[in-house]
PDB file of N, CA and C in Angstrom:
ATOM      1  N   MET A   1       4.576  20.136  -3.788  1.00  0.00           N
ATOM      2  CA  MET A   1       4.070  18.420  -4.003  1.00  0.00           C
ATOM      3  C   MET A   1       4.708  18.037  -5.371  1.00  0.00           C
ATOM      4  N   LYS A   2       5.283  16.940  -5.325  1.00  0.00           N
ATOM      5  CA  LYS A   2       5.377  16.208  -6.773  1.00  0.00           C
ATOM      6  C   LYS A   2       3.728  14.999  -7.144  1.00  0.00           C
ATOM      7  N   THR A   3       4.772  13.926  -5.980  1.00  0.00           N
ATOM      8  CA  THR A   3       4.019  13.084  -5.747  1.00  0.00           C
ATOM      9  C   THR A   3       3.342  12.724  -4.348  1.00  0.00           C
ATOM     10  N   TYR A   4       2.689  11.207  -4.310  1.00  0.00           N
ATOM     11  CA  TYR A   4       2.085  11.250  -3.099  1.00  0.00           C
ATOM     12  C   TYR A   4       3.698  11.084  -2.345  1.00  0.00           C
ATOM     13  N   ARG A   5       4.463  10.023  -2.863  1.00  0.00           N
ATOM     14  CA  ARG A   5       5.444  10.364  -2.115  1.00  0.00           C
ATOM     15  C   ARG A   5       5.893  11.047  -0.994  1.00  0.00           C
ATOM     16  N   ASP A   6       5.383  12.212  -1.780  1.00  0.00           N
ATOM     17  CA  ASP A   6       6.574  13.793  -1.064  1.00  0.00           C
ATOM     18  C   ASP A   6       5.840  14.131   0.096  1.00  0.00           C
ATOM     19  N   LEU A   7       4.841  12.966   0.889  1.00  0.00           N
ATOM     20  CA  LEU A   7       3.413  13.669   1.714  1.00  0.00           C
ATOM     21  C   LEU A   7       4.288  12.415   2.622  1.00  0.00           C
ATOM     22  N   GLN A   8       3.954  13.314   3.970  1.00  0.00           N
ATOM     23  CA  GLN A   8       4.974  13.005   5.005  1.00  0.00           C
ATOM     24  C   GLN A   8       4.487  11.574   5.849  1.00  0.00           C
ATOM     25  N   VAL A   9       2.757  11.971   5.600  1.00  0.00           N
ATOM     26  CA  VAL A   9       1.823  10.852   5.641  1.00  0.00           C
ATOM     27  C   VAL A   9       1.800   9.581   5.465  1.00  0.00           C
ATOM     28  N   TRP A  10       2.469   9.351   4.163  1.00  0.00           N
ATOM     29  CA  TRP A  10       2.315   8.355   3.358  1.00  0.00           C
ATOM     30  C   TRP A  10       3.868   7.565   3.681  1.00  0.00           C
ATOM     31  N   GLN A  11       4.698   8.447   3.847  1.00  0.00           N
ATOM     32  CA  GLN A  11       6.102   7.960   4.520  1.00  0.00           C
ATOM     33  C   GLN A  11       5.713   7.393   5.650  1.00  0.00           C
ATOM     34  N   LYS A  12       5.204   7.972   6.483  1.00  0.00           N
ATOM     35  CA  LYS A  12       4.371   7.082   8.023  1.00  0.00           C
ATOM     36  C   LYS A  12       3.800   5.898   7.504  1.00  0.00           C
ATOM     37  N   SER A  13       3.214   5.924   7.009  1.00  0.00           N
ATOM     38  CA  SER A  13       2.150   4.767   6.265  1.00  0.00           C
ATOM     39  C   SER A  13       2.910   3.358   6.367  1.00  0.00           C
ATOM     40  N   MET A  14       3.975   4.237   5.411  1.00  0.00           N
ATOM     41  CA  MET A  14       5.010   2.706   4.795  1.00  0.00           C
ATOM     42  C   MET A  14       6.604   2.139   6.162  1.00  0.00           C
ATOM     43  N   THR A  15       6.294   2.990   6.469  1.00  0.00           N
ATOM     44  CA  THR A  15       6.858   2.397   7.661  1.00  0.00           C
ATOM     45  C   THR A  15       6.242   1.534   8.839  1.00  0.00           C
ATOM     46  N   LEU A  16       4.979   2.297   8.962  1.00  0.00           N
ATOM     47  CA  LEU A  16       3.930   1.132   9.652  1.00  0.00           C
ATOM     48  C   LEU A  16       3.918   0.059   9.421  1.00  0.00           C
ATOM     49  N   VAL A  17       3.681   0.136   7.425  1.00  0.00           N
ATOM     50  CA  VAL A  17       3.575  -1.190   6.888  1.00  0.00           C
ATOM     51  C   VAL A  17       5.156  -2.338   7.125  1.00  0.00           C
ATOM     52  N   THR A  18       5.932  -1.557   7.512  1.00  0.00           N
ATOM     53  CA  THR A  18       7.326  -2.672   7.624  1.00  0.00           C
ATOM     54  C   THR A  18       7.437  -2.902   8.934  1.00  0.00           C
ATOM     55  N   GLU A  19       6.746  -1.923   9.670  1.00  0.00           N
ATOM     56  CA  GLU A  19       6.537  -2.601  11.067  1.00  0.00           C
ATOM     57  C   GLU A  19       5.460  -3.604  11.621  1.00  0.00           C
ATOM     58  N   ARG A  20       4.540  -3.554  11.363  1.00  0.00           N
ATOM     59  CA  ARG A  20       3.095  -4.408  11.088  1.00  0.00           C
ATOM     60  C   ARG A  20       4.541  -5.960  10.365  1.00  0.00           C
ATOM     61  N   TYR A  21       4.934  -5.556   9.402  1.00  0.00           N
ATOM     62  CA  TYR A  21       4.825  -7.299   8.630  1.00  0.00           C
ATOM     63  C   TYR A  21       6.590  -7.917   9.667  1.00  0.00           C
ATOM     64  N   LYS A  22       6.909  -6.904  10.051  1.00  0.00           N
ATOM     65  CA  LYS A  22       7.979  -7.546  10.814  1.00  0.00           C
ATOM     66  C   LYS A  22       7.526  -8.035  12.649  1.00  0.00           C
ATOM     67  N   ILE A  23       6.200  -7.438  13.141  1.00  0.00           N
ATOM     68  CA  ILE A  23       5.558  -7.832  14.223  1.00  0.00           C
ATOM     69  C   ILE A  23       4.855  -8.929  14.014  1.00  0.00           C
ATOM     70  N   SER A  24       3.843  -9.069  12.737  1.00  0.00           N
ATOM     71  CA  SER A  24       3.645 -10.367  12.460  1.00  0.00           C
ATOM     72  C   SER A  24       4.658 -11.463  11.701  1.00  0.00           C
ATOM     73  N   LYS A  25       5.308 -11.336  11.630  1.00  0.00           N
ATOM     74  CA  LYS A  25       6.510 -12.411  11.120  1.00  0.00           C
ATOM     75  C   LYS A  25       6.642 -13.395  12.605  1.00  0.00           C
ATOM     76  N   GLY A  26       6.619 -12.441  13.625  1.00  0.00           N
ATOM     77  CA  GLY A  26       6.685 -13.427  15.104  1.00  0.00           C
ATOM     78  C   GLY A  26       5.715 -13.910  15.521  1.00  0.00           C
ATOM     79  N   PHE A  27       4.246 -13.961  14.968  1.00  0.00           N
ATOM     80  CA  PHE A  27       2.988 -14.699  14.726  1.00  0.00           C
ATOM     81  C   PHE A  27       3.045 -16.400  14.346  1.00  0.00           C
ATOM     82  N   PRO A  28       2.199 -17.047  15.287  1.00  0.00           N
ATOM     83  CA  PRO A  28       2.521 -18.651  15.097  1.00  0.00           C
ATOM     84  C   PRO A  28       2.088 -19.023  13.377  1.00  0.00           C
ATOM     85  N   LYS A  29       2.605 -19.781  12.964  1.00  0.00           N
ATOM     86  CA  LYS A  29       1.921 -20.387  11.678  1.00  0.00           C
ATOM     87  C   LYS A  29       0.782 -20.428  11.624  1.00  0.00           C
ATOM     88  N   ASP A  30      -0.385 -20.847  12.683  1.00  0.00           N
ATOM     89  CA  ASP A  30      -0.985 -20.925  12.304  1.00  0.00           C
ATOM     90  C   ASP A  30      -2.254 -19.716  12.244  1.00  0.00           C
ATOM     91  N   GLU A  31      -1.528 -18.532  12.607  1.00  0.00           N
ATOM     92  CA  GLU A  31      -2.300 -17.148  12.665  1.00  0.00           C
ATOM     93  C   GLU A  31      -1.998 -16.886  10.932  1.00  0.00           C
ATOM     94  N   ALA A  32      -1.495 -17.681   9.935  1.00  0.00           N
ATOM     95  CA  ALA A  32      -0.538 -16.840   8.840  1.00  0.00           C
ATOM     96  C   ALA A  32      -1.790 -16.644   7.975  1.00  0.00           C
ATOM     97  N   TYR A  33      -3.371 -16.876   7.913  1.00  0.00           N
ATOM     98  CA  TYR A  33      -4.249 -16.810   6.822  1.00  0.00           C
ATOM     99  C   TYR A  33      -5.254 -15.839   7.763  1.00  0.00           C
ATOM    100  N   GLY A  34      -5.192 -15.777   9.095  1.00  0.00           N
ATOM    101  CA  GLY A  34      -5.446 -14.942  10.290  1.00  0.00           C
ATOM    102  C   GLY A  34      -5.407 -13.673   9.810  1.00  0.00           C
ATOM    103  N   LEU A  35      -5.030 -13.710  11.370  1.00  0.00           N
ATOM    104  CA  LEU A  35      -5.052 -12.814  12.194  1.00  0.00           C
ATOM    105  C   LEU A  35      -3.256 -11.624  11.445  1.00  0.00           C
ATOM    106  N   THR A  36      -2.897 -12.763  10.960  1.00  0.00           N
ATOM    107  CA  THR A  36      -1.189 -11.888  10.169  1.00  0.00           C
ATOM    108  C   THR A  36      -1.744 -11.361   8.588  1.00  0.00           C
ATOM    109  N   SER A  37      -2.241 -12.325   8.014  1.00  0.00           N
ATOM    110  CA  SER A  37      -2.679 -11.839   6.885  1.00  0.00           C
ATOM    111  C   SER A  37      -3.468 -10.366   6.970  1.00  0.00           C
ATOM    112  N   GLN A  38      -4.912 -10.712   7.557  1.00  0.00           N
ATOM    113  CA  GLN A  38      -5.349  -9.100   7.956  1.00  0.00           C
ATOM    114  C   GLN A  38      -4.982  -7.893   8.797  1.00  0.00           C
ATOM    115  N   MET A  39      -4.078  -7.927   9.201  1.00  0.00           N
ATOM    116  CA  MET A  39      -3.092  -6.898  10.410  1.00  0.00           C
ATOM    117  C   MET A  39      -2.083  -6.631   8.352  1.00  0.00           C
ATOM    118  N   ARG A  40      -0.654  -7.061   7.941  1.00  0.00           N
ATOM    119  CA  ARG A  40      -0.923  -7.283   6.386  1.00  0.00           C
ATOM    120  C   ARG A  40      -1.415  -5.662   5.348  1.00  0.00           C
ATOM    121  N   ARG A  41      -2.474  -6.879   5.287  1.00  0.00           N
ATOM    122  CA  ARG A  41      -3.588  -6.124   4.159  1.00  0.00           C
ATOM    123  C   ARG A  41      -4.278  -4.590   4.614  1.00  0.00           C
ATOM    124  N   CYS A  42      -4.305  -4.238   6.127  1.00  0.00           N
ATOM    125  CA  CYS A  42      -4.736  -3.734   6.740  1.00  0.00           C
ATOM    126  C   CYS A  42      -3.838  -2.839   6.480  1.00  0.00           C
ATOM    127  N   ALA A  43      -2.660  -2.925   6.930  1.00  0.00           N
ATOM    128  CA  ALA A  43      -1.146  -1.484   7.144  1.00  0.00           C
ATOM    129  C   ALA A  43      -0.900  -1.238   5.309  1.00  0.00           C
ATOM    130  N   ILE A  44      -0.600  -2.250   4.425  1.00  0.00           N
ATOM    131  CA  ILE A  44      -0.770  -1.870   3.128  1.00  0.00           C
ATOM    132  C   ILE A  44      -2.175  -1.085   2.519  1.00  0.00           C
ATOM    133  N   SER A  45      -2.863  -0.927   3.014  1.00  0.00           N
ATOM    134  CA  SER A  45      -4.200  -0.409   2.187  1.00  0.00           C
ATOM    135  C   SER A  45      -4.400   1.176   2.152  1.00  0.00           C
ATOM    136  N   ILE A  46      -3.514   1.555   3.322  1.00  0.00           N
ATOM    137  CA  ILE A  46      -3.361   3.241   3.561  1.00  0.00           C
ATOM    138  C   ILE A  46      -2.465   3.433   2.858  1.00  0.00           C
ATOM    139  N   PRO A  47      -1.206   3.617   2.629  1.00  0.00           N
ATOM    140  CA  PRO A  47      -0.659   3.814   1.954  1.00  0.00           C
ATOM    141  C   PRO A  47      -1.243   3.717   0.319  1.00  0.00           C
ATOM    142  N   SER A  48      -2.008   2.288  -0.327  1.00  0.00           N
ATOM    143  CA  SER A  48      -2.225   1.881  -1.548  1.00  0.00           C
ATOM    144  C   SER A  48      -3.572   3.368  -1.787  1.00  0.00           C
ATOM    145  N   ASN A  49      -4.254   3.008  -1.095  1.00  0.00           N
ATOM    146  CA  ASN A  49      -5.161   4.205  -1.385  1.00  0.00           C
ATOM    147  C   ASN A  49      -5.001   5.783  -1.309  1.00  0.00           C
ATOM    148  N   MET A  50      -4.012   6.246  -0.640  1.00  0.00           N
ATOM    149  CA  MET A  50      -3.320   7.691  -0.958  1.00  0.00           C
ATOM    150  C   MET A  50      -3.168   7.570  -2.096  1.00  0.00           C
ATOM    151  N   ALA A  51      -2.064   6.469  -3.048  1.00  0.00           N
ATOM    152  CA  ALA A  51      -1.101   6.373  -4.324  1.00  0.00           C
ATOM    153  C   ALA A  51      -2.600   6.406  -5.320  1.00  0.00           C
ATOM    154  N   GLU A  52      -3.549   5.572  -5.044  1.00  0.00           N
ATOM    155  CA  GLU A  52      -5.097   5.362  -5.720  1.00  0.00           C
ATOM    156  C   GLU A  52      -5.250   7.060  -5.841  1.00  0.00           C
ATOM    157  N   GLY A  53      -5.527   7.303  -4.956  1.00  0.00           N
ATOM    158  CA  GLY A  53      -6.447   8.626  -4.562  1.00  0.00           C
ATOM    159  C   GLY A  53      -5.498  10.170  -5.538  1.00  0.00           C
ATOM    160  N   TYR A  54      -4.531   9.881  -5.849  1.00  0.00           N
ATOM    161  CA  TYR A  54      -3.507  10.752  -5.922  1.00  0.00           C
ATOM    162  C   TYR A  54      -2.910  10.298  -7.924  1.00  0.00           C
ATOM    163  N   GLY A  55      -3.577   9.528  -7.472  1.00  0.00           N
ATOM    164  CA  GLY A  55      -3.758   9.349  -9.417  1.00  0.00           C
ATOM    165  C   GLY A  55      -4.672   9.278  -9.773  1.00  0.00           C
ATOM    166  N   ARG A  56      -6.105   9.601  -9.516  1.00  0.00           N
ATOM    167  CA  ARG A  56      -6.907   9.971  -9.683  1.00  0.00           C
ATOM    168  C   ARG A  56      -7.352  11.463  -9.828  1.00  0.00           C
ATOM    169  N   ASN A  57      -6.751  12.064  -9.041  1.00  0.00           N
ATOM    170  CA  ASN A  57      -6.646  13.194  -9.063  1.00  0.00           C
ATOM    171  C   ASN A  57      -5.256  14.130  -9.226  1.00  0.00           C
ATOM    172  N   SER A  58      -4.599  13.734  -9.952  1.00  0.00           N
ATOM    173  CA  SER A  58      -3.492  14.190 -10.451  1.00  0.00           C
ATOM    174  C   SER A  58      -3.655  14.009 -11.606  1.00  0.00           C
ATOM    175  N   ALA A  59      -4.042  12.804 -12.711  1.00  0.00           N
ATOM    176  CA  ALA A  59      -3.656  13.364 -13.354  1.00  0.00           C
ATOM    177  C   ALA A  59      -5.676  12.973 -14.262  1.00  0.00           C
ATOM    178  N   GLN A  60      -5.451  13.826 -15.549  1.00  0.00           N
ATOM    179  CA  GLN A  60      -6.917  14.161 -16.068  1.00  0.00           C
ATOM    180  C   GLN A  60      -6.859  12.743 -17.588  1.00  0.00           C
ATOM    181  N   VAL A  61      -8.182  11.681 -16.582  1.00  0.00           N
ATOM    182  CA  VAL A  61      -8.473  10.923 -17.736  1.00  0.00           C
ATOM    183  C   VAL A  61     -10.278  10.739 -18.615  1.00  0.00           C
ATOM    184  N   GLY A  62      -9.046  10.421 -19.618  1.00  0.00           N
ATOM    185  CA  GLY A  62     -10.045  11.067 -20.909  1.00  0.00           C
ATOM    186  C   GLY A  62     -11.563  10.255 -21.006  1.00  0.00           C
ATOM    187  N   THR A  63     -10.464   9.136 -21.381  1.00  0.00           N
ATOM    188  CA  THR A  63     -12.149   7.870 -21.587  1.00  0.00           C
ATOM    189  C   THR A  63     -12.663   7.423 -20.294  1.00  0.00           C
ATOM    190  N   GLU A  64     -14.004   7.203 -20.220  1.00  0.00           N
ATOM    191  CA  GLU A  64     -14.820   6.213 -19.304  1.00  0.00           C
ATOM    192  C   GLU A  64     -14.003   5.013 -19.167  1.00  0.00           C
ATOM    193  N   GLU A  65     -13.454   4.193 -19.715  1.00  0.00           N
ATOM    194  CA  GLU A  65     -12.552   3.401 -19.368  1.00  0.00           C
ATOM    195  C   GLU A  65     -11.230   3.434 -19.289  1.00  0.00           C
ATOM    196  N   GLN A  66     -10.444   4.408 -19.691  1.00  0.00           N
ATOM    197  CA  GLN A  66      -8.878   4.797 -18.794  1.00  0.00           C
ATOM    198  C   GLN A  66      -9.581   5.044 -17.155  1.00  0.00           C
ATOM    199  N   ARG A  67     -10.794   5.781 -16.884  1.00  0.00           N
ATOM    200  CA  ARG A  67     -10.987   5.395 -15.722  1.00  0.00           C
ATOM    201  C   ARG A  67     -11.352   4.325 -14.994  1.00  0.00           C
ATOM    202  N   TYR A  68     -12.046   3.381 -15.264  1.00  0.00           N
ATOM    203  CA  TYR A  68     -11.855   1.917 -14.404  1.00  0.00           C
ATOM    204  C   TYR A  68     -10.478   1.318 -14.621  1.00  0.00           C
ATOM    205  N   ARG A  69      -9.835   1.615 -15.162  1.00  0.00           N
ATOM    206  CA  ARG A  69      -8.262   0.801 -15.659  1.00  0.00           C
ATOM    207  C   ARG A  69      -7.736   1.258 -14.147  1.00  0.00           C
ATOM    208  N   GLY A  70      -7.307   2.011 -13.426  1.00  0.00           N
ATOM    209  CA  GLY A  70      -7.327   2.634 -12.399  1.00  0.00           C
ATOM    210  C   GLY A  70      -5.882   3.495 -12.836  1.00  0.00           C
ATOM    211  N   PRO A  71      -5.387   3.955 -11.593  1.00  0.00           N
ATOM    212  CA  PRO A  71      -3.774   4.173 -11.628  1.00  0.00           C
ATOM    213  C   PRO A  71      -2.675   3.635 -11.368  1.00  0.00           C
ATOM    214  N   LYS A  72      -2.030   3.816 -11.853  1.00  0.00           N
ATOM    215  CA  LYS A  72      -0.178   3.203 -11.118  1.00  0.00           C
ATOM    216  C   LYS A  72       0.133   3.253  -9.872  1.00  0.00           C
ATOM    217  N   GLY A  73       0.131   3.811  -9.376  1.00  0.00           N
ATOM    218  CA  GLY A  73       0.205   4.406  -8.154  1.00  0.00           C
ATOM    219  C   GLY A  73       0.493   3.514  -6.726  1.00  0.00           C
ATOM    220  N   ASN A  74      -1.073   2.682  -7.323  1.00  0.00           N
ATOM    221  CA  ASN A  74      -1.730   1.534  -6.246  1.00  0.00           C
ATOM    222  C   ASN A  74      -0.552   0.346  -6.698  1.00  0.00           C
ATOM    223  N   GLU A  75      -0.220  -0.032  -7.489  1.00  0.00           N
ATOM    224  CA  GLU A  75       0.403  -0.848  -8.005  1.00  0.00           C
ATOM    225  C   GLU A  75       1.860  -0.894  -7.233  1.00  0.00           C
ATOM    226  N   ASN A  76       2.444   0.496  -7.686  1.00  0.00           N
ATOM    227  CA  ASN A  76       4.214   0.764  -6.921  1.00  0.00           C
ATOM    228  C   ASN A  76       3.990   1.052  -6.177  1.00  0.00           C
ATOM    229  N   THR A  77       2.785   1.189  -5.125  1.00  0.00           N
ATOM    230  CA  THR A  77       2.997   0.899  -3.468  1.00  0.00           C
ATOM    231  C   THR A  77       3.589  -0.355  -3.327  1.00  0.00           C
ATOM    232  N   LEU A  78       2.364  -1.246  -3.532  1.00  0.00           N
ATOM    233  CA  LEU A  78       2.595  -2.686  -3.327  1.00  0.00           C
ATOM    234  C   LEU A  78       4.075  -3.119  -3.763  1.00  0.00           C
ATOM    235  N   CYS A  79       4.251  -2.548  -4.554  1.00  0.00           N
ATOM    236  CA  CYS A  79       5.848  -3.367  -4.476  1.00  0.00           C
ATOM    237  C   CYS A  79       6.823  -2.859  -4.119  1.00  0.00           C
ATOM    238  N   LEU A  80       6.652  -2.071  -3.596  1.00  0.00           N
ATOM    239  CA  LEU A  80       7.474  -1.847  -2.400  1.00  0.00           C
ATOM    240  C   LEU A  80       7.383  -2.180  -0.757  1.00  0.00           C
ATOM    241  N   CYS A  81       5.998  -2.902  -0.542  1.00  0.00           N
ATOM    242  CA  CYS A  81       6.032  -3.379   0.247  1.00  0.00           C
ATOM    243  C   CYS A  81       6.827  -4.421   0.939  1.00  0.00           C
ATOM    244  N   PRO A  82       7.146  -4.450   1.990  1.00  0.00           N
ATOM    245  CA  PRO A  82       8.354  -5.442   2.092  1.00  0.00           C
ATOM    246  C   PRO A  82       8.639  -6.732   2.346  1.00  0.00           C
ATOM    247  N   TYR A  83       9.218  -7.329   2.108  1.00  0.00           N
ATOM    248  CA  TYR A  83       9.783  -8.614   1.635  1.00  0.00           C
ATOM    249  C   TYR A  83      10.972  -9.092   1.970  1.00  0.00           C
ATOM    250  N   GLU A  84      10.692 -10.134   3.132  1.00  0.00           N
ATOM    251  CA  GLU A  84      12.044 -10.307   4.036  1.00  0.00           C
ATOM    252  C   GLU A  84      12.325 -11.456   3.570  1.00  0.00           C
ATOM    253  N   PRO A  85      12.889 -12.420   2.645  1.00  0.00           N
ATOM    254  CA  PRO A  85      13.818 -14.143   2.615  1.00  0.00           C
ATOM    255  C   PRO A  85      13.623 -14.420   3.604  1.00  0.00           C
ATOM    256  N   LYS A  86      13.245 -15.746   3.659  1.00  0.00           N
ATOM    257  CA  LYS A  86      14.081 -16.984   5.304  1.00  0.00           C
ATOM    258  C   LYS A  86      15.368 -16.679   5.016  1.00  0.00           C
TER     259      LYS A  86
END
């Protein structure tokens, strides 16, 4: 395993994210800040947490300050989040 992206569970969780975005796209507009937002945030948190954990365990972080900055894998996962313009 080279990166967290090689994990089947991460790949399946990204599929789950895509499915949740497609499903929630059809929700009523009055749910945009309620159920829709909650479902999307919940789904994207799964692969994001895996990426974050991988970043912490794979790189030996030297200083205390570097540990608090956090890994970049989490940001990459969020960038992969599906976006379909209208």
